[in-house]
Amino acid sequence: MEKSVNVIGAGLAGSEAVWQLVNRGVKVDLYEMRPVKQTPAHHTDKFAELVCTNSLRANGLTNAVGVIKEEMRMLDSIIIEAADKASVPAGGALAVDRHEFSGYITDKVKNHPLVTVHTEEVTTIPEGPTIIATGPLTSPALADEIKQLTGEEYLYFYDAAAPIIEKDSIDMDKVYLKSRYDKGEAAYLNCPMSEEEFNAFYEALVTAETAALKEFEKEVFFEGCMPIEVMAKRGIKTMLFGPLKPVGLEDPKTGKRPYAVLQLRQDDAAGTLYNMVGFQTHLKWGEQKRVFGMIPGLENAEIVRYGVMHRNTFINSPTVLEPTYQLKTRNDLFFAGQMTGVEGYVESAASGLAAGINAANFVQEKELVVFPTETAIGSLAHYITSASKKSFQPMNVNFGLFPELETKIRAKQERNEKLAERALNAIKKVAEEL
């Protein structure tokens, strides 16, 4: 009998899981409810649609997210392959044209001879080997099924997306092109603010109207994707140490550091759209136009996609998952993506990669892979399955999750380089054994 696996959800994790399965000769039934049923955050019917930023974050190996991307390249990740092909200028980061990126993945996955795509909502968990990668916006019916299966109450938080602006509507006389500390190419448009301009903007922001939330939903924000108005309410200086940090962004015209700086990052390959970095928001659309129009250079900005906010849902992985991404109570059922409590595009795809490899090994009766904790992929899997069950929160990959080096190194960059070197040596061994 031919080996096959069900994959539910064609986001970043699901698409990556499918790719790892078919690369190992396993047939896949892929279920995706879009466009038959949309989520509050998606806009297309494409696989691996990026609903928040268009950045996959740092590319260099002195950053843990750069290391996890390199590990994924070594394991033939379709997500990283697509990102490399669809990349747009972003200094030291890997940012993509979101349409080219998701289009590439959709074509490769849909047209693979071992993949059968089912455009329908899944409301019951199928029997047989299955990967659930339905993401933070899992439909209510399936969420209830998962809740029954895991026996766990869900945790939740809100995730928010930043507005995207037409470049032609930006006042280029008031902004300047520069990357922080002049790292890499000058890839960001910078909107400088004086103290007076910042204070007026701050007052408008903290008093602006937000879109209504359902009364029963408690606000719990993940620190990495916090709405700008929530951050601002923590104190007048908070944004100056976050998205409006001016350090390393001296104005080339004056040579002076502005009081505050908003960065705009290229969002598409053509360079016609820019997103407001770190400005995820849940303000009403009219308020976004009014308040963000107070920022120098954006007085007449045309917002092509307003910031939106949606609820994210994830399981208590330390209670219910193995480091192989298997459910403890049903070994032919795997979870992947943000639903597991990994946070971020790359991390979600990396969990899909691990779940896909392990589901393939499961149906082919091979030993499952627990990635070494020295690797970025392994350190993340270890964290989400061994963290505190009572206070479990989503986690981005970072060097703090890695085991310490045998020899302590005080200099941060040198230490990170050594951690990266150790990780890539370990993943090379994993790749050779697969």
Protein backbone atom coordinates (compact mmCIF):
# COMPACT_ATOMS: atom_id res chain seq x y z
CA MET A 1 0.00 0.00 0.00
CA GLU A 2 1.30 3.44 -0.97
CA LYS A 3 2.38 5.64 1.94
CA SER A 4 0.47 8.92 2.30
CA VAL A 5 0.03 11.75 4.81
CA ASN A 6 -2.76 14.32 5.25
CA VAL A 7 -1.56 17.91 5.67
CA ILE A 8 -4.16 20.40 6.88
CA GLY A 9 -3.28 24.01 6.06
CA ALA A 10 -1.16 25.43 3.23
CA GLY A 11 0.53 28.27 5.10
CA LEU A 12 4.29 28.48 5.63
CA ALA A 13 4.46 25.42 7.90
CA GLY A 14 2.05 23.29 5.87
CA SER A 15 3.69 24.11 2.54
CA GLU A 16 7.13 23.30 3.95
CA ALA A 17 5.87 20.04 5.48
CA VAL A 18 4.38 18.99 2.13
CA TRP A 19 7.67 19.71 0.37
CA GLN A 20 9.68 17.62 2.82
CA LEU A 21 7.19 14.73 2.46
CA VAL A 22 7.14 14.65 -1.35
CA ASN A 23 10.94 14.96 -1.47
CA ARG A 24 10.96 11.66 0.42
CA GLY A 25 8.52 10.01 -1.97
CA VAL A 26 5.44 10.29 0.26
CA LYS A 27 2.03 11.09 -1.27
CA VAL A 28 0.22 14.04 0.29
CA ASP A 29 -3.44 15.03 0.55
CA LEU A 30 -3.24 18.77 1.21
CA TYR A 31 -6.33 20.51 2.62
CA GLU A 32 -6.68 24.32 2.42
CA MET A 33 -9.96 26.11 3.13
CA ARG A 34 -9.05 29.36 1.35
CA PRO A 35 -10.63 30.81 -0.79
CA VAL A 36 -13.82 28.82 0.00
CA LYS A 37 -13.56 30.16 3.56
CA GLN A 38 -11.28 33.11 4.32
CA THR A 39 -9.65 34.18 7.59
CA PRO A 40 -9.77 37.74 9.00
CA ALA A 41 -6.12 38.29 7.96
CA HIS A 42 -5.63 36.61 4.58
CA HIS A 43 -6.24 38.40 1.28
CA THR A 44 -5.48 35.74 -1.38
CA ASP A 45 -5.90 32.03 -2.15
CA LYS A 46 -2.12 31.52 -2.43
CA PHE A 47 -0.17 29.07 -0.29
CA ALA A 48 2.30 30.50 2.26
CA GLU A 49 0.70 33.97 2.11
CA LEU A 50 2.58 36.47 4.29
CA VAL A 51 -0.07 38.25 6.36
CA CYS A 52 2.13 40.44 8.57
CA THR A 53 5.46 41.95 7.41
CA ASN A 54 7.29 40.98 4.19
CA SER A 55 10.56 40.49 6.08
CA LEU A 56 12.01 37.11 7.07
CA ARG A 57 14.38 39.09 9.31
CA ALA A 58 18.19 39.00 9.55
CA ASN A 59 20.24 37.06 7.03
CA GLY A 60 23.64 37.09 8.75
CA LEU A 61 24.99 34.20 10.82
CA THR A 62 25.59 36.38 13.88
CA ASN A 63 21.80 36.30 14.36
CA ALA A 64 19.89 33.14 15.32
CA VAL A 65 17.22 33.69 12.65
CA GLY A 66 20.00 33.87 10.05
CA VAL A 67 21.30 30.54 11.34
CA ILE A 68 17.91 28.83 11.18
CA LYS A 69 17.51 30.01 7.58
CA GLU A 70 20.91 28.57 6.67
CA GLU A 71 20.00 25.26 8.34
CA MET A 72 16.81 25.18 6.29
CA ARG A 73 18.74 25.87 3.07
CA MET A 74 20.91 22.85 3.88
CA LEU A 75 17.73 20.76 4.22
CA ASP A 76 16.22 21.92 0.89
CA SER A 77 13.52 24.18 2.34
CA ILE A 78 11.05 25.43 -0.27
CA ILE A 79 10.23 28.47 1.89
CA ILE A 80 13.84 29.67 1.95
CA GLU A 81 14.31 28.78 -1.73
CA ALA A 82 11.28 30.94 -2.58
CA ALA A 83 12.48 33.77 -0.32
CA ASP A 84 15.91 33.83 -1.95
CA LYS A 85 14.28 33.97 -5.40
CA ALA A 86 11.75 36.68 -4.45
CA SER A 87 14.07 38.84 -2.31
CA VAL A 88 13.93 42.65 -2.37
CA PRO A 89 16.56 45.10 -1.01
CA ALA A 90 16.43 45.23 2.81
CA GLY A 91 19.94 45.93 4.12
CA GLY A 92 21.10 42.96 6.18
CA ALA A 93 17.64 41.35 6.22
CA LEU A 94 15.88 38.90 3.87
CA ALA A 95 12.68 40.61 2.69
CA VAL A 96 10.56 39.43 -0.21
CA ASP A 97 8.02 40.49 -2.80
CA ARG A 98 5.10 38.77 -1.08
CA HIS A 99 3.19 37.98 -4.31
CA GLU A 100 6.19 36.47 -6.08
CA PHE A 101 7.08 34.51 -2.93
CA SER A 102 3.69 32.88 -2.37
CA GLY A 103 3.12 32.42 -6.12
CA TYR A 104 6.36 30.44 -6.45
CA ILE A 105 5.45 28.12 -3.54
CA THR A 106 1.87 27.65 -4.76
CA ASP A 107 3.02 26.61 -8.24
CA LYS A 108 5.67 24.18 -6.96
CA VAL A 109 3.39 22.50 -4.41
CA LYS A 110 0.16 22.39 -6.48
CA ASN A 111 1.89 20.98 -9.54
CA HIS A 112 3.87 18.25 -7.77
CA PRO A 113 2.70 14.80 -8.95
CA LEU A 114 2.56 13.42 -5.38
CA VAL A 115 0.29 16.24 -4.12
CA THR A 116 -3.52 16.23 -4.26
CA VAL A 117 -5.02 19.57 -3.20
CA HIS A 118 -8.47 19.65 -1.55
CA THR A 119 -10.03 23.14 -1.35
CA GLU A 120 -12.32 22.66 1.62
CA GLU A 121 -12.60 23.34 5.32
CA VAL A 122 -11.58 20.45 7.57
CA THR A 123 -13.80 20.27 10.64
CA THR A 124 -12.78 16.85 11.98
CA ILE A 125 -9.26 15.50 12.35
CA PRO A 126 -8.80 12.67 9.84
CA GLU A 127 -7.62 9.20 10.76
CA GLY A 128 -4.18 8.09 9.63
CA PRO A 129 -0.89 10.02 9.52
CA THR A 130 -1.72 13.73 9.61
CA ILE A 131 0.03 17.07 10.08
CA ILE A 132 -2.11 19.91 11.44
CA ALA A 133 -0.65 23.23 10.28
CA THR A 134 -3.76 25.38 10.35
CA GLY A 135 -2.01 28.29 11.96
CA PRO A 136 -3.00 30.93 14.45
CA LEU A 137 -6.32 31.54 12.67
CA THR A 138 -7.59 27.97 12.82
CA SER A 139 -11.32 27.78 12.06
CA PRO A 140 -13.56 27.47 15.15
CA ALA A 141 -14.84 23.97 14.26
CA LEU A 142 -11.35 22.50 13.91
CA ALA A 143 -10.13 24.42 16.97
CA ASP A 144 -12.84 22.72 19.02
CA GLU A 145 -11.74 19.32 17.66
CA ILE A 146 -8.13 20.03 18.64
CA LYS A 147 -9.22 21.19 22.07
CA GLN A 148 -11.12 17.91 22.58
CA LEU A 149 -8.10 15.92 21.42
CA THR A 150 -5.45 17.70 23.48
CA GLY A 151 -7.61 18.10 26.56
CA GLU A 152 -6.05 21.54 26.97
CA GLU A 153 -7.63 24.97 27.09
CA TYR A 154 -6.15 27.23 24.45
CA LEU A 155 -3.91 30.16 25.17
CA TYR A 156 -4.21 33.11 22.85
CA PHE A 157 -2.91 36.54 21.90
CA TYR A 158 -3.45 39.11 19.20
CA ASP A 159 -1.17 39.64 16.26
CA ALA A 160 -1.21 42.86 14.26
CA ALA A 161 -0.05 43.94 10.77
CA ALA A 162 1.45 47.31 9.78
CA PRO A 163 0.07 49.60 7.05
CA ILE A 164 1.56 49.52 3.53
CA ILE A 165 2.05 52.83 1.70
CA GLU A 166 2.47 53.82 -1.97
CA LYS A 167 5.99 55.16 -2.46
CA ASP A 168 4.79 57.86 -4.88
CA SER A 169 2.67 59.40 -2.11
CA ILE A 170 5.64 59.85 0.27
CA ASP A 171 7.18 63.36 0.41
CA MET A 172 10.73 62.41 -0.60
CA ASP A 173 12.04 65.88 0.36
CA LYS A 174 11.35 65.08 4.01
CA VAL A 175 12.72 61.51 4.18
CA TYR A 176 16.14 60.00 3.54
CA LEU A 177 17.50 56.64 2.42
CA LYS A 178 19.65 54.85 5.00
CA SER A 179 20.08 51.57 6.90
CA ARG A 180 20.78 51.68 10.64
CA TYR A 181 24.52 52.17 11.31
CA ASP A 182 24.89 52.10 7.48
CA LYS A 183 24.77 48.27 7.59
CA GLY A 184 24.45 46.73 4.12
CA GLU A 185 22.95 48.84 1.35
CA ALA A 186 20.82 51.88 2.19
CA ALA A 187 17.48 50.09 2.04
CA TYR A 188 15.08 51.98 4.31
CA LEU A 189 13.28 55.30 3.85
CA ASN A 190 13.55 57.20 7.12
CA CYS A 191 11.00 59.73 8.40
CA PRO A 192 12.76 61.99 10.97
CA MET A 193 10.78 63.69 13.74
CA SER A 194 11.67 66.61 16.00
CA GLU A 195 10.77 66.42 19.71
CA GLU A 196 7.80 68.72 19.09
CA GLU A 197 6.56 66.60 16.16
CA PHE A 198 7.02 63.39 18.18
CA ASN A 199 5.08 64.74 21.18
CA ALA A 200 2.16 65.82 18.99
CA PHE A 201 2.16 62.42 17.26
CA TYR A 202 2.32 60.60 20.61
CA GLU A 203 -0.70 62.49 21.99
CA ALA A 204 -2.72 61.77 18.85
CA LEU A 205 -1.75 58.08 18.90
CA VAL A 206 -2.63 57.34 22.52
CA THR A 207 -6.02 59.07 22.21
CA ALA A 208 -6.94 57.60 18.79
CA GLU A 209 -9.91 55.25 18.42
CA THR A 210 -9.20 51.54 18.00
CA ALA A 211 -11.41 49.05 16.19
CA ALA A 212 -13.81 47.18 18.48
CA LEU A 213 -12.82 43.85 20.01
CA LYS A 214 -15.27 41.17 21.10
CA GLU A 215 -16.00 41.62 24.81
CA PHE A 216 -15.11 38.04 25.78
CA GLU A 217 -11.62 38.33 24.30
CA LYS A 218 -8.91 39.28 26.75
CA GLU A 219 -6.02 41.27 25.31
CA VAL A 220 -2.76 39.34 25.55
CA PHE A 221 -0.07 40.61 23.18
CA PHE A 222 3.06 38.82 22.01
CA GLU A 223 5.88 41.32 22.60
CA GLY A 224 7.30 40.91 19.07
CA CYS A 225 4.12 42.00 17.27
CA MET A 226 2.55 44.49 19.68
CA PRO A 227 0.23 47.18 18.26
CA ILE A 228 2.00 50.55 18.24
CA GLU A 229 -0.81 52.23 20.20
CA VAL A 230 -0.48 49.62 22.98
CA MET A 231 3.29 50.14 23.09
CA ALA A 232 2.81 53.93 23.23
CA LYS A 233 0.48 53.63 26.22
CA ARG A 234 3.31 52.00 28.20
CA GLY A 235 5.00 55.41 28.34
CA ILE A 236 5.98 58.39 26.19
CA LYS A 237 9.56 57.13 25.74
CA THR A 238 8.72 53.49 24.92
CA MET A 239 8.57 53.97 21.13
CA LEU A 240 11.92 55.80 21.21
CA PHE A 241 13.53 52.51 22.29
CA GLY A 242 11.45 50.51 19.80
CA PRO A 243 10.15 51.30 16.29
CA LEU A 244 11.03 55.04 16.49
CA LYS A 245 14.59 54.49 17.79
CA PRO A 246 16.83 57.15 16.16
CA VAL A 247 20.22 55.58 17.05
CA GLY A 248 22.39 54.95 13.98
CA LEU A 249 20.01 56.88 11.70
CA GLU A 250 21.65 60.31 11.54
CA ASP A 251 20.14 62.54 8.84
CA PRO A 252 22.73 62.75 6.00
CA LYS A 253 21.56 66.30 5.19
CA THR A 254 22.35 67.65 8.67
CA GLY A 255 24.65 64.99 10.10
CA LYS A 256 22.50 65.12 13.24
CA ARG A 257 20.43 62.44 14.92
CA PRO A 258 16.69 63.22 14.86
CA TYR A 259 14.64 62.93 18.07
CA ALA A 260 12.70 60.01 16.58
CA VAL A 261 12.75 58.12 13.26
CA LEU A 262 10.14 55.93 11.58
CA GLN A 263 11.62 53.47 9.07
CA LEU A 264 9.78 52.43 5.91
CA ARG A 265 10.84 49.13 4.31
CA GLN A 266 10.38 48.13 0.67
CA ASP A 267 7.48 45.68 0.39
CA ASP A 268 7.52 44.61 -3.27
CA ALA A 269 10.08 43.81 -5.97
CA ALA A 270 9.13 46.87 -8.03
CA GLY A 271 9.84 49.18 -5.08
CA THR A 272 6.45 50.91 -5.33
CA LEU A 273 5.16 49.89 -1.88
CA TYR A 274 6.69 50.47 1.57
CA ASN A 275 5.58 49.20 4.98
CA MET A 276 5.83 51.06 8.27
CA VAL A 277 8.37 49.03 10.26
CA GLY A 278 7.09 48.00 13.69
CA PHE A 279 3.79 49.88 13.24
CA GLN A 280 1.37 46.99 13.63
CA THR A 281 -1.91 48.57 14.63
CA HIS A 282 -5.55 48.07 15.48
CA LEU A 283 -6.59 51.71 15.03
CA LYS A 284 -9.71 52.42 12.99
CA TRP A 285 -8.80 53.05 9.36
CA GLY A 286 -9.75 56.74 9.42
CA GLU A 287 -7.61 57.17 12.53
CA GLN A 288 -4.64 55.47 10.84
CA LYS A 289 -4.87 57.98 7.97
CA ARG A 290 -5.13 60.93 10.40
CA VAL A 291 -2.55 59.94 13.01
CA PHE A 292 0.11 58.45 10.71
CA GLY A 293 -0.33 61.49 8.43
CA MET A 294 1.28 63.55 11.23
CA ILE A 295 4.63 61.83 10.59
CA PRO A 296 6.92 64.01 8.42
CA GLY A 297 6.88 62.72 4.84
CA LEU A 298 3.57 60.89 5.26
CA GLU A 299 1.23 63.90 5.27
CA ASN A 300 -0.36 62.76 1.99
CA ALA A 301 0.50 59.07 2.21
CA GLU A 302 -1.77 56.70 0.30
CA ILE A 303 -2.29 53.62 2.49
CA VAL A 304 -2.87 50.66 0.14
CA ARG A 305 -3.37 48.20 2.98
CA TYR A 306 -4.42 49.42 6.40
CA GLY A 307 -3.05 47.84 9.54
CA VAL A 308 -5.23 45.04 10.88
CA MET A 309 -5.26 42.91 13.98
CA HIS A 310 -6.39 39.34 14.49
CA ARG A 311 -6.49 36.75 17.22
CA ASN A 312 -3.79 34.09 17.24
CA THR A 313 -4.29 30.68 18.79
CA PHE A 314 -1.71 28.16 19.96
CA ILE A 315 -1.62 24.91 21.90
CA ASN A 316 0.18 24.24 25.16
CA SER A 317 3.03 22.37 23.45
CA PRO A 318 5.03 21.56 26.62
CA THR A 319 2.02 19.55 27.80
CA VAL A 320 0.95 17.85 24.56
CA LEU A 321 3.85 17.67 22.06
CA GLU A 322 7.05 15.64 21.64
CA PRO A 323 10.21 17.35 20.27
CA THR A 324 9.41 15.48 17.01
CA TYR A 325 6.19 17.59 16.78
CA GLN A 326 4.10 14.45 17.43
CA LEU A 327 1.11 14.56 19.72
CA LYS A 328 1.98 12.61 22.89
CA THR A 329 -1.37 10.82 22.90
CA ARG A 330 -1.51 9.95 19.18
CA ASN A 331 1.83 9.22 17.49
CA ASP A 332 0.59 9.49 13.89
CA LEU A 333 -0.61 13.07 14.46
CA PHE A 334 1.84 15.96 14.10
CA PHE A 335 1.45 19.70 14.65
CA ALA A 336 3.45 22.43 12.93
CA GLY A 337 3.58 26.21 12.63
CA GLN A 338 2.53 29.02 14.92
CA MET A 339 -0.11 26.84 16.50
CA THR A 340 2.77 25.04 18.29
CA GLY A 341 3.97 28.28 19.90
CA VAL A 342 6.85 29.01 17.56
CA GLU A 343 6.62 32.68 16.64
CA GLY A 344 7.50 34.11 13.23
CA TYR A 345 7.46 33.15 9.58
CA VAL A 346 10.83 31.39 9.52
CA GLU A 347 10.23 29.57 12.78
CA SER A 348 6.83 28.35 11.52
CA ALA A 349 8.37 27.06 8.32
CA ALA A 350 11.19 25.39 10.29
CA SER A 351 8.66 23.53 12.45
CA GLY A 352 6.89 22.43 9.25
CA LEU A 353 10.20 21.17 7.92
CA ALA A 354 10.82 19.10 11.07
CA ALA A 355 7.23 17.78 11.17
CA GLY A 356 7.37 16.90 7.46
CA ILE A 357 10.63 14.97 7.80
CA ASN A 358 9.30 13.12 10.85
CA ALA A 359 5.92 12.30 9.29
CA ALA A 360 7.78 10.86 6.27
CA ASN A 361 10.00 8.79 8.56
CA PHE A 362 6.93 7.65 10.50
CA VAL A 363 5.07 6.27 7.46
CA GLN A 364 8.30 4.75 6.08
CA GLU A 365 8.96 3.12 9.47
CA LYS A 366 12.27 4.89 9.95
CA GLU A 367 13.58 6.39 13.17
CA LEU A 368 12.19 9.85 13.88
CA VAL A 369 14.55 12.82 14.12
CA VAL A 370 15.00 14.82 17.29
CA PHE A 371 17.09 17.73 16.02
CA PRO A 372 20.11 18.43 18.25
CA THR A 373 19.58 21.35 20.63
CA GLU A 374 22.84 22.81 19.27
CA THR A 375 20.91 23.56 16.05
CA ALA A 376 18.46 26.45 15.72
CA ILE A 377 15.71 24.06 14.56
CA GLY A 378 16.39 21.74 17.50
CA SER A 379 16.70 24.49 20.11
CA LEU A 380 13.27 25.82 19.15
CA ALA A 381 11.64 22.36 19.17
CA HIS A 382 13.24 21.71 22.56
CA TYR A 383 12.00 25.03 23.96
CA ILE A 384 8.36 24.66 22.94
CA THR A 385 8.19 21.11 24.29
CA SER A 386 10.04 21.70 27.56
CA ALA A 387 9.12 25.25 28.65
CA SER A 388 6.93 25.99 31.66
CA LYS A 389 3.47 24.53 31.11
CA LYS A 390 1.83 27.18 33.28
CA SER A 391 3.36 30.25 31.64
CA PHE A 392 4.07 29.02 28.09
CA GLN A 393 4.37 31.87 25.58
CA PRO A 394 5.25 31.97 21.85
CA MET A 395 8.96 32.17 21.13
CA ASN A 396 11.15 33.46 18.32
CA VAL A 397 14.41 31.64 17.66
CA ASN A 398 17.31 33.26 19.55
CA PHE A 399 20.77 32.30 20.76
CA GLY A 400 19.47 32.22 24.34
CA LEU A 401 17.74 28.92 23.49
CA PHE A 402 21.04 27.28 22.45
CA PRO A 403 23.18 25.30 24.93
CA GLU A 404 26.19 27.27 26.13
CA LEU A 405 29.57 26.80 24.44
CA GLU A 406 32.06 24.61 26.30
CA THR A 407 34.48 27.54 26.39
CA LYS A 408 32.89 30.80 27.52
CA ILE A 409 33.37 33.74 25.15
CA ARG A 410 32.58 37.23 26.46
CA ALA A 411 32.49 39.09 23.13
CA LYS A 412 28.92 38.76 21.84
CA GLN A 413 29.67 38.70 18.10
CA GLU A 414 32.44 36.13 18.47
CA ARG A 415 30.22 33.99 20.73
CA ASN A 416 27.38 34.13 18.21
CA GLU A 417 29.74 33.19 15.37
CA LYS A 418 30.86 30.11 17.34
CA LEU A 419 27.25 29.14 18.15
CA ALA A 420 26.41 29.47 14.45
CA GLU A 421 29.42 27.38 13.41
CA ARG A 422 28.49 24.64 15.89
CA ALA A 423 24.85 24.68 14.72
CA LEU A 424 25.73 24.35 11.03
CA ASN A 425 28.18 21.51 11.73
CA ALA A 426 25.43 19.70 13.65
CA ILE A 427 22.80 20.23 10.93
CA LYS A 428 25.26 18.99 8.31
CA LYS A 429 25.43 15.67 10.19
CA VAL A 430 21.62 15.52 10.38
CA ALA A 431 21.37 16.17 6.63
CA GLU A 432 23.88 13.39 5.89
CA GLU A 433 21.89 10.90 7.97
CA LEU A 434 18.49 11.69 6.45
